[in-house]
Structures are given as structure tokens and as C-alpha cells.
């Protein structure tokens, strides 16, 4: 997330986008509207995931259905929902149930 304290030294793409949009880093500091002012931050695009356990159990809410329980740990700054979305897409590639 670009903000007024973002260091663009090693961020070529961000610099190019700002130039194309005719923006400067200082434009992200809005003294008149301080709640819209952003310092900026970075997150890793990739992170290590440790999957501790995967198990299938009977679902206590939906009779006759099963549920999947995935116990995992992520590095700080990674989002669980992003991991789970990709986990299930990956599993779908390898598991094609007979319909």
C-alpha cells in the first residue's frame, strides 16, 4: 500500500505507476483530511504455510454431510482467507469427484 512514507528505491513498478498517474508520494499526505492520509506499508506476496492436520468429520449442523477441518499456521502478515481460497482451488485441480 503506497503512502507518504513509502520508500520507492527498490519499487520500480510503484514508481512507474505514480509517474503514469502524475502522482507524487507527498500526494498521499492530506493534512485537510487526516483520516484519509496514509503512511504506507508492504506485505510479502508469498509466505510459508505449515499445515498441521487435515481431517474429515461428520458435520454436526448438516445431517448426512461431512466437513473438512484444516489446522494451519501462517507467517505474520499473511491472510488466512487468501490461503484457504488457493488451497481449495489447488485441491480442486487434483480431486475431481465423479458426478
N, C-alpha and C. Protein backbone atom coordinates (compact mmCIF):
# COMPACT_ATOMS: atom_id res chain seq x y z
N UNK A 1 0.86 -1.15 0.00
CA UNK A 1 0.00 0.00 0.00
C UNK A 1 0.91 1.23 0.00
N UNK A 2 0.80 2.04 -1.00
CA UNK A 2 1.64 3.22 -1.11
C UNK A 2 1.13 4.32 -0.18
N UNK A 3 2.05 5.02 0.45
CA UNK A 3 1.72 6.13 1.32
C UNK A 3 2.84 7.14 1.30
N UNK A 4 2.70 8.19 2.10
CA UNK A 4 3.66 9.28 2.06
C UNK A 4 5.03 8.92 2.63
N UNK A 5 5.14 7.77 3.35
CA UNK A 5 6.44 7.34 3.86
C UNK A 5 7.00 6.14 3.08
N UNK A 6 6.39 5.79 1.97
CA UNK A 6 6.85 4.65 1.18
C UNK A 6 8.20 4.96 0.55
N UNK A 7 9.14 4.03 0.71
CA UNK A 7 10.47 4.14 0.12
C UNK A 7 10.42 3.43 -1.23
N UNK A 8 10.55 4.19 -2.30
CA UNK A 8 10.42 3.63 -3.65
C UNK A 8 11.75 3.21 -4.27
N UNK A 9 12.83 3.19 -3.48
CA UNK A 9 14.15 2.85 -4.03
C UNK A 9 14.13 1.53 -4.80
N UNK A 10 13.55 0.50 -4.23
CA UNK A 10 13.54 -0.82 -4.88
C UNK A 10 12.15 -1.18 -5.40
N UNK A 11 11.33 -0.19 -5.64
CA UNK A 11 9.94 -0.43 -6.06
C UNK A 11 9.69 0.20 -7.42
N UNK A 12 10.33 -0.34 -8.45
CA UNK A 12 10.27 0.23 -9.80
C UNK A 12 8.83 0.35 -10.31
N UNK A 13 8.02 -0.71 -10.12
CA UNK A 13 6.65 -0.71 -10.65
C UNK A 13 5.83 0.41 -10.00
N UNK A 14 5.94 0.56 -8.66
CA UNK A 14 5.19 1.62 -7.99
C UNK A 14 5.58 2.99 -8.54
N UNK A 15 6.87 3.19 -8.73
CA UNK A 15 7.35 4.46 -9.27
C UNK A 15 6.79 4.74 -10.65
N UNK A 16 6.73 3.68 -11.48
CA UNK A 16 6.19 3.84 -12.84
C UNK A 16 4.70 4.18 -12.81
N UNK A 17 3.96 3.52 -11.93
CA UNK A 17 2.52 3.79 -11.83
C UNK A 17 2.28 5.22 -11.35
N UNK A 18 3.02 5.64 -10.34
CA UNK A 18 2.87 7.02 -9.86
C UNK A 18 3.16 8.02 -10.97
N UNK A 19 4.21 7.75 -11.73
CA UNK A 19 4.57 8.66 -12.83
C UNK A 19 3.46 8.69 -13.89
N UNK A 20 2.95 7.52 -14.27
CA UNK A 20 1.87 7.45 -15.26
C UNK A 20 0.63 8.20 -14.80
N UNK A 21 0.34 8.13 -13.50
CA UNK A 21 -0.85 8.77 -12.94
C UNK A 21 -0.59 10.21 -12.52
N UNK A 22 0.63 10.67 -12.75
CA UNK A 22 1.02 12.04 -12.41
C UNK A 22 0.85 12.30 -10.90
N UNK A 23 1.31 11.35 -10.09
CA UNK A 23 1.23 11.47 -8.63
C UNK A 23 2.62 11.50 -8.03
N UNK A 24 2.70 12.08 -6.83
CA UNK A 24 3.93 12.09 -6.05
C UNK A 24 3.63 11.45 -4.69
N UNK A 25 4.65 10.95 -4.03
CA UNK A 25 4.48 10.34 -2.71
C UNK A 25 3.80 11.32 -1.76
N UNK A 26 4.13 12.58 -1.84
CA UNK A 26 3.56 13.60 -0.95
C UNK A 26 2.04 13.73 -1.13
N UNK A 27 1.53 13.31 -2.27
CA UNK A 27 0.09 13.40 -2.52
C UNK A 27 -0.72 12.50 -1.57
N UNK A 28 -0.06 11.55 -0.93
CA UNK A 28 -0.76 10.66 -0.02
C UNK A 28 -0.88 11.23 1.40
N UNK A 29 -0.30 12.40 1.60
CA UNK A 29 -0.48 13.12 2.88
C UNK A 29 -1.50 14.22 2.62
N UNK A 30 -2.64 14.11 3.28
CA UNK A 30 -3.71 15.09 3.07
C UNK A 30 -4.01 15.72 4.43
N UNK A 31 -3.35 16.83 4.71
CA UNK A 31 -3.49 17.47 6.02
C UNK A 31 -4.92 17.94 6.29
N UNK A 32 -5.64 18.31 5.22
CA UNK A 32 -7.01 18.79 5.39
C UNK A 32 -7.97 17.65 5.75
N UNK A 33 -7.62 16.42 5.38
CA UNK A 33 -8.47 15.25 5.66
C UNK A 33 -7.56 14.16 6.26
N UNK A 34 -7.14 14.31 7.52
CA UNK A 34 -6.14 13.41 8.09
C UNK A 34 -6.55 11.95 8.13
N UNK A 35 -7.84 11.65 8.19
CA UNK A 35 -8.27 10.25 8.25
C UNK A 35 -8.09 9.55 6.90
N UNK A 36 -7.80 10.31 5.83
CA UNK A 36 -7.51 9.71 4.52
C UNK A 36 -6.01 9.65 4.23
N UNK A 37 -5.20 10.17 5.15
CA UNK A 37 -3.76 10.18 4.98
C UNK A 37 -3.20 8.79 5.25
N UNK A 38 -2.27 8.34 4.39
CA UNK A 38 -1.69 7.00 4.54
C UNK A 38 -0.18 7.07 4.58
N UNK A 39 0.42 6.41 5.59
CA UNK A 39 1.87 6.30 5.67
C UNK A 39 2.39 5.31 4.64
N UNK A 40 1.64 4.23 4.44
CA UNK A 40 2.05 3.18 3.51
C UNK A 40 2.66 2.00 4.23
N UNK A 41 2.58 0.84 3.62
CA UNK A 41 3.18 -0.37 4.18
C UNK A 41 3.31 -1.43 3.09
N UNK A 42 4.11 -2.44 3.36
CA UNK A 42 4.30 -3.54 2.43
C UNK A 42 3.97 -4.85 3.11
N UNK A 43 3.48 -5.79 2.35
CA UNK A 43 3.27 -7.16 2.81
C UNK A 43 3.97 -8.07 1.81
N UNK A 44 4.45 -9.19 2.31
CA UNK A 44 5.05 -10.17 1.41
C UNK A 44 3.97 -10.77 0.52
N UNK A 45 4.30 -10.98 -0.73
CA UNK A 45 3.35 -11.60 -1.65
C UNK A 45 3.25 -13.10 -1.38
N UNK A 46 4.32 -13.68 -0.84
CA UNK A 46 4.35 -15.12 -0.55
C UNK A 46 4.77 -15.32 0.89
N UNK A 47 4.32 -16.41 1.47
CA UNK A 47 4.71 -16.73 2.83
C UNK A 47 4.66 -18.23 3.04
N UNK A 48 5.34 -18.68 4.06
CA UNK A 48 5.34 -20.11 4.37
C UNK A 48 4.05 -20.48 5.10
N UNK A 49 3.52 -21.63 4.76
CA UNK A 49 2.33 -22.16 5.41
C UNK A 49 2.71 -23.50 6.01
N UNK A 50 2.35 -23.71 7.26
CA UNK A 50 2.56 -25.01 7.89
C UNK A 50 1.19 -25.64 8.11
N UNK A 51 0.90 -26.70 7.36
CA UNK A 51 -0.37 -27.42 7.54
C UNK A 51 -0.11 -28.49 8.58
N UNK A 52 -0.75 -28.36 9.74
CA UNK A 52 -0.55 -29.29 10.85
C UNK A 52 -1.39 -30.55 10.71
N UNK A 53 -2.63 -30.36 10.25
CA UNK A 53 -3.53 -31.51 10.18
C UNK A 53 -4.71 -31.20 9.25
N UNK A 54 -5.13 -32.21 8.51
CA UNK A 54 -6.33 -32.12 7.69
C UNK A 54 -7.18 -33.34 8.03
N UNK A 55 -8.43 -33.10 8.40
CA UNK A 55 -9.28 -34.25 8.70
C UNK A 55 -10.72 -34.00 8.24
N UNK A 56 -11.40 -35.09 8.00
CA UNK A 56 -12.80 -35.05 7.59
C UNK A 56 -13.62 -35.65 8.72
N UNK A 57 -14.67 -34.93 9.11
CA UNK A 57 -15.57 -35.41 10.17
C UNK A 57 -17.01 -35.22 9.73
N UNK A 58 -17.90 -35.91 10.42
CA UNK A 58 -19.32 -35.70 10.17
C UNK A 58 -19.69 -34.29 10.64
N UNK A 59 -20.49 -33.61 9.82
CA UNK A 59 -20.89 -32.25 10.15
C UNK A 59 -22.06 -32.28 11.13
N UNK A 60 -21.91 -31.62 12.27
CA UNK A 60 -22.95 -31.63 13.29
C UNK A 60 -24.14 -30.72 12.96
N UNK A 61 -23.99 -29.85 11.97
CA UNK A 61 -25.07 -28.95 11.59
C UNK A 61 -25.86 -29.43 10.37
N UNK A 62 -25.22 -30.15 9.50
CA UNK A 62 -25.85 -30.61 8.27
C UNK A 62 -25.85 -32.14 8.26
N UNK A 63 -26.99 -32.72 8.59
CA UNK A 63 -27.11 -34.17 8.67
C UNK A 63 -26.72 -34.83 7.34
N UNK A 64 -25.94 -35.90 7.45
CA UNK A 64 -25.53 -36.65 6.27
C UNK A 64 -24.40 -36.01 5.49
N UNK A 65 -23.86 -34.90 5.97
CA UNK A 65 -22.76 -34.20 5.28
C UNK A 65 -21.49 -34.31 6.12
N UNK A 66 -20.37 -34.11 5.46
CA UNK A 66 -19.08 -34.10 6.13
C UNK A 66 -18.51 -32.68 6.12
N UNK A 67 -17.54 -32.45 6.98
CA UNK A 67 -16.84 -31.17 6.99
C UNK A 67 -15.34 -31.44 6.95
N UNK A 68 -14.61 -30.49 6.41
CA UNK A 68 -13.16 -30.57 6.32
C UNK A 68 -12.58 -29.61 7.35
N UNK A 69 -11.69 -30.12 8.18
CA UNK A 69 -11.03 -29.29 9.19
C UNK A 69 -9.56 -29.18 8.79
N UNK A 70 -9.10 -27.95 8.59
CA UNK A 70 -7.71 -27.70 8.21
C UNK A 70 -7.07 -26.88 9.32
N UNK A 71 -6.06 -27.47 9.98
CA UNK A 71 -5.32 -26.79 11.04
C UNK A 71 -4.00 -26.32 10.43
N UNK A 72 -3.77 -25.00 10.41
CA UNK A 72 -2.57 -24.48 9.75
C UNK A 72 -2.07 -23.22 10.45
N UNK A 73 -0.81 -22.89 10.19
CA UNK A 73 -0.20 -21.67 10.69
C UNK A 73 0.38 -20.89 9.52
N UNK A 74 0.26 -19.56 9.60
CA UNK A 74 0.80 -18.67 8.58
C UNK A 74 1.82 -17.74 9.22
N UNK A 75 2.70 -17.21 8.39
CA UNK A 75 3.62 -16.19 8.87
C UNK A 75 2.85 -14.89 9.12
N UNK A 76 3.39 -14.07 9.98
CA UNK A 76 2.79 -12.77 10.28
C UNK A 76 2.60 -11.97 8.99
N UNK A 77 1.43 -11.37 8.85
CA UNK A 77 1.16 -10.54 7.69
C UNK A 77 0.46 -11.25 6.55
N UNK A 78 0.30 -12.57 6.64
CA UNK A 78 -0.42 -13.31 5.60
C UNK A 78 -1.87 -13.48 6.01
N UNK A 79 -2.74 -13.60 5.02
CA UNK A 79 -4.17 -13.69 5.26
C UNK A 79 -4.66 -15.13 5.13
N UNK A 80 -5.40 -15.60 6.13
CA UNK A 80 -5.93 -16.95 6.12
C UNK A 80 -6.92 -17.15 4.98
N UNK A 81 -7.75 -16.15 4.71
CA UNK A 81 -8.74 -16.33 3.64
C UNK A 81 -8.07 -16.50 2.28
N UNK A 82 -6.95 -15.83 2.04
CA UNK A 82 -6.24 -15.97 0.77
C UNK A 82 -5.64 -17.38 0.68
N UNK A 83 -5.06 -17.85 1.78
CA UNK A 83 -4.53 -19.21 1.79
C UNK A 83 -5.63 -20.22 1.51
N UNK A 84 -6.76 -20.11 2.19
CA UNK A 84 -7.84 -21.08 2.02
C UNK A 84 -8.42 -21.05 0.61
N UNK A 85 -8.58 -19.87 0.03
CA UNK A 85 -9.08 -19.78 -1.35
C UNK A 85 -8.16 -20.53 -2.30
N UNK A 86 -6.86 -20.34 -2.14
CA UNK A 86 -5.89 -21.01 -3.01
C UNK A 86 -5.77 -22.49 -2.68
N UNK A 87 -5.88 -22.84 -1.43
CA UNK A 87 -5.82 -24.25 -1.01
C UNK A 87 -6.94 -25.03 -1.69
N UNK A 88 -8.15 -24.51 -1.66
CA UNK A 88 -9.27 -25.24 -2.25
C UNK A 88 -9.22 -25.24 -3.76
N UNK A 89 -8.71 -24.19 -4.39
CA UNK A 89 -8.52 -24.21 -5.84
C UNK A 89 -7.50 -25.27 -6.24
N UNK A 90 -6.42 -25.37 -5.49
CA UNK A 90 -5.38 -26.36 -5.76
C UNK A 90 -5.94 -27.77 -5.59
N UNK A 91 -6.67 -27.99 -4.52
CA UNK A 91 -7.25 -29.31 -4.27
C UNK A 91 -8.22 -29.69 -5.39
N UNK A 92 -8.96 -28.72 -5.90
CA UNK A 92 -9.94 -28.98 -6.94
C UNK A 92 -9.24 -29.50 -8.21
N UNK A 93 -8.02 -29.01 -8.47
CA UNK A 93 -7.29 -29.48 -9.64
C UNK A 93 -6.97 -30.97 -9.56
N UNK A 94 -6.66 -31.44 -8.36
CA UNK A 94 -6.22 -32.82 -8.19
C UNK A 94 -7.36 -33.78 -7.84
N UNK A 95 -8.44 -33.25 -7.33
CA UNK A 95 -9.57 -34.10 -6.93
C UNK A 95 -10.79 -33.72 -7.75
N UNK A 96 -11.14 -34.57 -8.66
CA UNK A 96 -12.33 -34.34 -9.49
C UNK A 96 -13.32 -35.46 -9.18
N UNK A 97 -14.32 -35.18 -8.34
CA UNK A 97 -15.26 -36.23 -7.98
C UNK A 97 -16.10 -36.67 -9.18
N UNK A 98 -16.45 -37.93 -9.18
CA UNK A 98 -17.34 -38.45 -10.22
C UNK A 98 -18.75 -37.94 -9.94
N UNK A 99 -19.31 -37.22 -10.87
CA UNK A 99 -20.67 -36.69 -10.68
C UNK A 99 -21.67 -37.49 -11.47
